[in-house]
Protein backbone atom coordinates (compact mmCIF):
# COMPACT_ATOMS: atom_id res chain seq x y z
CA UNK A 1 -86.37 -79.91 51.48
CA UNK A 2 -85.94 -83.49 52.58
CA UNK A 3 -86.59 -84.65 49.01
CA UNK A 4 -84.01 -82.15 47.77
CA UNK A 5 -81.50 -83.51 50.27
CA UNK A 6 -82.13 -86.93 48.74
CA UNK A 7 -81.12 -85.56 45.30
CA UNK A 8 -84.64 -85.02 43.99
CA UNK A 9 -83.67 -81.91 42.08
CA UNK A 10 -87.24 -81.10 41.05
CA UNK A 11 -87.85 -80.40 44.73
CA UNK A 12 -85.54 -77.39 44.38
CA UNK A 13 -87.77 -75.99 41.67
CA UNK A 14 -90.75 -76.26 44.01
CA UNK A 15 -88.85 -74.60 46.87
CA UNK A 16 -87.65 -71.84 44.57
CA UNK A 17 -91.12 -71.21 43.13
CA UNK A 18 -92.67 -71.06 46.62
CA UNK A 19 -90.12 -68.80 48.26
CA UNK A 20 -88.41 -66.64 45.63
CA UNK A 21 -90.88 -63.75 45.96
CA UNK A 22 -90.59 -63.74 49.75
CA UNK A 23 -86.77 -63.72 49.64
CA UNK A 24 -86.71 -61.02 46.96
CA UNK A 25 -89.13 -58.86 48.96
CA UNK A 26 -87.01 -59.32 52.09
CA UNK A 27 -83.93 -58.08 50.22
CA UNK A 28 -85.77 -55.23 48.48
CA UNK A 29 -86.72 -53.78 51.85
CA UNK A 30 -83.12 -53.87 53.05
CA UNK A 31 -80.90 -53.03 50.09
CA UNK A 32 -81.12 -49.79 48.10
CA UNK A 33 -79.61 -50.96 44.81
CA UNK A 34 -81.12 -53.46 42.38
CA UNK A 35 -77.71 -54.94 41.49
CA UNK A 36 -77.01 -55.71 45.16
CA UNK A 37 -80.47 -57.23 45.59
CA UNK A 38 -79.99 -59.53 42.62
CA UNK A 39 -76.48 -60.52 43.69
CA UNK A 40 -77.53 -61.43 47.22
CA UNK A 41 -80.68 -63.17 45.95
CA UNK A 42 -78.62 -65.39 43.67
CA UNK A 43 -76.09 -66.08 46.43
CA UNK A 44 -78.86 -67.17 48.80
CA UNK A 45 -80.10 -69.87 46.44
CA UNK A 46 -76.56 -70.99 45.60
CA UNK A 47 -75.86 -71.27 49.32
CA UNK A 48 -79.13 -73.17 49.79
CA UNK A 49 -77.99 -75.66 47.17
CA UNK A 50 -74.49 -76.04 48.61
CA UNK A 51 -75.66 -76.39 52.21
CA UNK A 52 -78.73 -78.57 51.64
CA UNK A 53 -77.03 -81.50 53.40
CA UNK A 54 -76.80 -79.41 56.59
CA UNK A 55 -80.54 -78.72 56.76
CA UNK A 56 -82.11 -80.34 59.82
CA UNK A 57 -85.76 -81.27 59.41
CA UNK A 58 -86.51 -80.55 63.06
CA UNK A 59 -86.52 -76.86 61.99
CA UNK A 60 -89.09 -75.31 59.69
CA UNK A 61 -87.68 -74.75 56.23
CA UNK A 62 -88.84 -71.13 56.14
CA UNK A 63 -86.92 -70.36 59.35
CA UNK A 64 -83.81 -71.99 57.91
CA UNK A 65 -84.18 -70.06 54.66
CA UNK A 66 -84.69 -66.80 56.57
CA UNK A 67 -81.54 -67.41 58.62
CA UNK A 68 -79.59 -68.23 55.47
CA UNK A 69 -80.95 -65.09 53.78
CA UNK A 70 -80.19 -62.86 56.75
CA UNK A 71 -76.64 -64.17 57.05
CA UNK A 72 -75.98 -63.73 53.34
CA UNK A 73 -77.37 -60.18 53.51
CA UNK A 74 -75.18 -59.33 56.51
CA UNK A 75 -72.12 -60.81 54.81
CA UNK A 76 -72.83 -58.72 51.72
CA UNK A 77 -73.29 -55.52 53.74
CA UNK A 78 -70.11 -56.21 55.69
CA UNK A 79 -68.16 -56.89 52.49
CA UNK A 80 -69.39 -53.66 50.90
CA UNK A 81 -68.66 -51.59 53.98
CA UNK A 82 -65.20 -52.95 54.64
CA UNK A 83 -63.83 -51.56 51.41
CA UNK A 84 -66.06 -48.63 50.55
CA UNK A 85 -68.88 -46.46 51.70
CA UNK A 86 -70.87 -44.80 48.96
CA UNK A 87 -72.12 -41.25 49.41
CA UNK A 88 -74.74 -39.27 47.57
CA UNK A 89 -72.67 -37.33 45.00
CA UNK A 90 -74.89 -34.29 45.37
CA UNK A 91 -73.44 -33.72 48.83
CA UNK A 92 -70.10 -35.51 48.47
CA UNK A 93 -68.16 -35.30 45.22
CA UNK A 94 -66.15 -38.42 46.10
CA UNK A 95 -68.03 -41.60 45.13
CA UNK A 96 -66.20 -44.00 47.42
CA UNK A 97 -64.23 -43.73 50.64
CA UNK A 98 -62.36 -46.20 52.74
CA UNK A 99 -64.43 -46.86 55.88
CA UNK A 100 -61.36 -46.34 58.07
CA UNK A 101 -61.43 -42.66 56.99
CA UNK A 102 -64.88 -42.17 58.52
CA UNK A 103 -64.85 -40.50 61.94
CA UNK A 104 -67.26 -42.56 64.06
CA UNK A 105 -67.98 -39.52 66.24
CA UNK A 106 -69.58 -37.80 63.24
CA UNK A 107 -72.07 -40.62 62.64
CA UNK A 108 -75.72 -40.36 63.79
CA UNK A 109 -75.36 -43.40 66.06
CA UNK A 110 -75.40 -44.26 69.74
CA UNK A 111 -72.17 -45.08 71.55
CA UNK A 112 -72.79 -48.82 71.60
CA UNK A 113 -73.61 -48.82 67.87
CA UNK A 114 -70.36 -46.97 67.16
CA UNK A 115 -68.37 -49.48 69.23
CA UNK A 116 -69.98 -52.45 67.47
CA UNK A 117 -69.36 -50.90 64.01
CA UNK A 118 -65.74 -50.17 64.87
CA UNK A 119 -65.11 -53.67 66.18
CA UNK A 120 -66.95 -55.41 63.32
CA UNK A 121 -65.79 -53.33 60.36
CA UNK A 122 -62.47 -51.74 61.28
CA UNK A 123 -61.12 -54.50 63.51
CA UNK A 124 -62.90 -57.42 61.79
CA UNK A 125 -64.09 -59.01 65.05
CA UNK A 126 -66.83 -61.60 64.85
CA UNK A 127 -70.05 -61.28 66.85
CA UNK A 128 -68.86 -63.65 69.56
CA UNK A 129 -65.74 -61.55 70.15
CA UNK A 130 -67.78 -58.34 70.15
CA UNK A 131 -70.28 -59.80 72.61
CA UNK A 132 -67.46 -60.81 74.95
CA UNK A 133 -65.82 -57.37 74.82
CA UNK A 134 -69.08 -55.43 75.30
CA UNK A 135 -70.65 -57.90 77.72
CA UNK A 136 -73.72 -58.53 75.53
CA UNK A 137 -75.03 -61.59 73.72
CA UNK A 138 -73.83 -62.45 70.19
CA UNK A 139 -77.35 -62.09 68.77
CA UNK A 140 -77.62 -58.68 70.43
CA UNK A 141 -74.31 -57.65 68.86
CA UNK A 142 -75.64 -58.71 65.45
CA UNK A 143 -78.87 -56.74 65.99
CA UNK A 144 -76.96 -53.63 67.06
CA UNK A 145 -74.76 -53.94 63.97
CA UNK A 146 -77.79 -54.37 61.67
CA UNK A 147 -79.58 -51.38 63.17
CA UNK A 148 -76.46 -49.23 62.88
CA UNK A 149 -76.09 -50.19 59.21
CA UNK A 150 -79.76 -49.30 58.60
CA UNK A 151 -79.29 -45.90 60.28
CA UNK A 152 -76.21 -45.24 58.17
CA UNK A 153 -78.00 -46.21 54.97
CA UNK A 154 -80.89 -43.85 55.83
CA UNK A 155 -78.52 -41.00 56.66
CA UNK A 156 -76.39 -41.53 53.53
CA UNK A 157 -79.05 -42.40 50.97
CA UNK A 158 -82.04 -40.53 52.38
């Protein structure tokens, strides 16, 4: 990565060859649709290119790449859930619904998960604001959000 920061563009090819399968596998386990996986995958490597100057060599590259991947995945999930929630047509004839129409009390989630979802999606609070309101750490707020999204995906997509 240090070589890539110094504009040795062949270094990117090495990084990509070493880590593409790992990143793709990470996304495949977390996203149900191939189009979403490919979109996020591409965005991760574009973001890697654009933010290469911000990489700090005191951190392991794989940790940095994982953090970048996780953040891109969370951004993608948030973007998709702000505008629409897709349902299995077999049970719901409507393909898309505005998330604000969803009654949080009907979701298979704990109270704290419902609060975090409401604050993050409906009110567009960031994790720092959520952590302050709920008296938890920002990383805990992010974990609660991620787990709630996973539960929702399992309940909606099976």
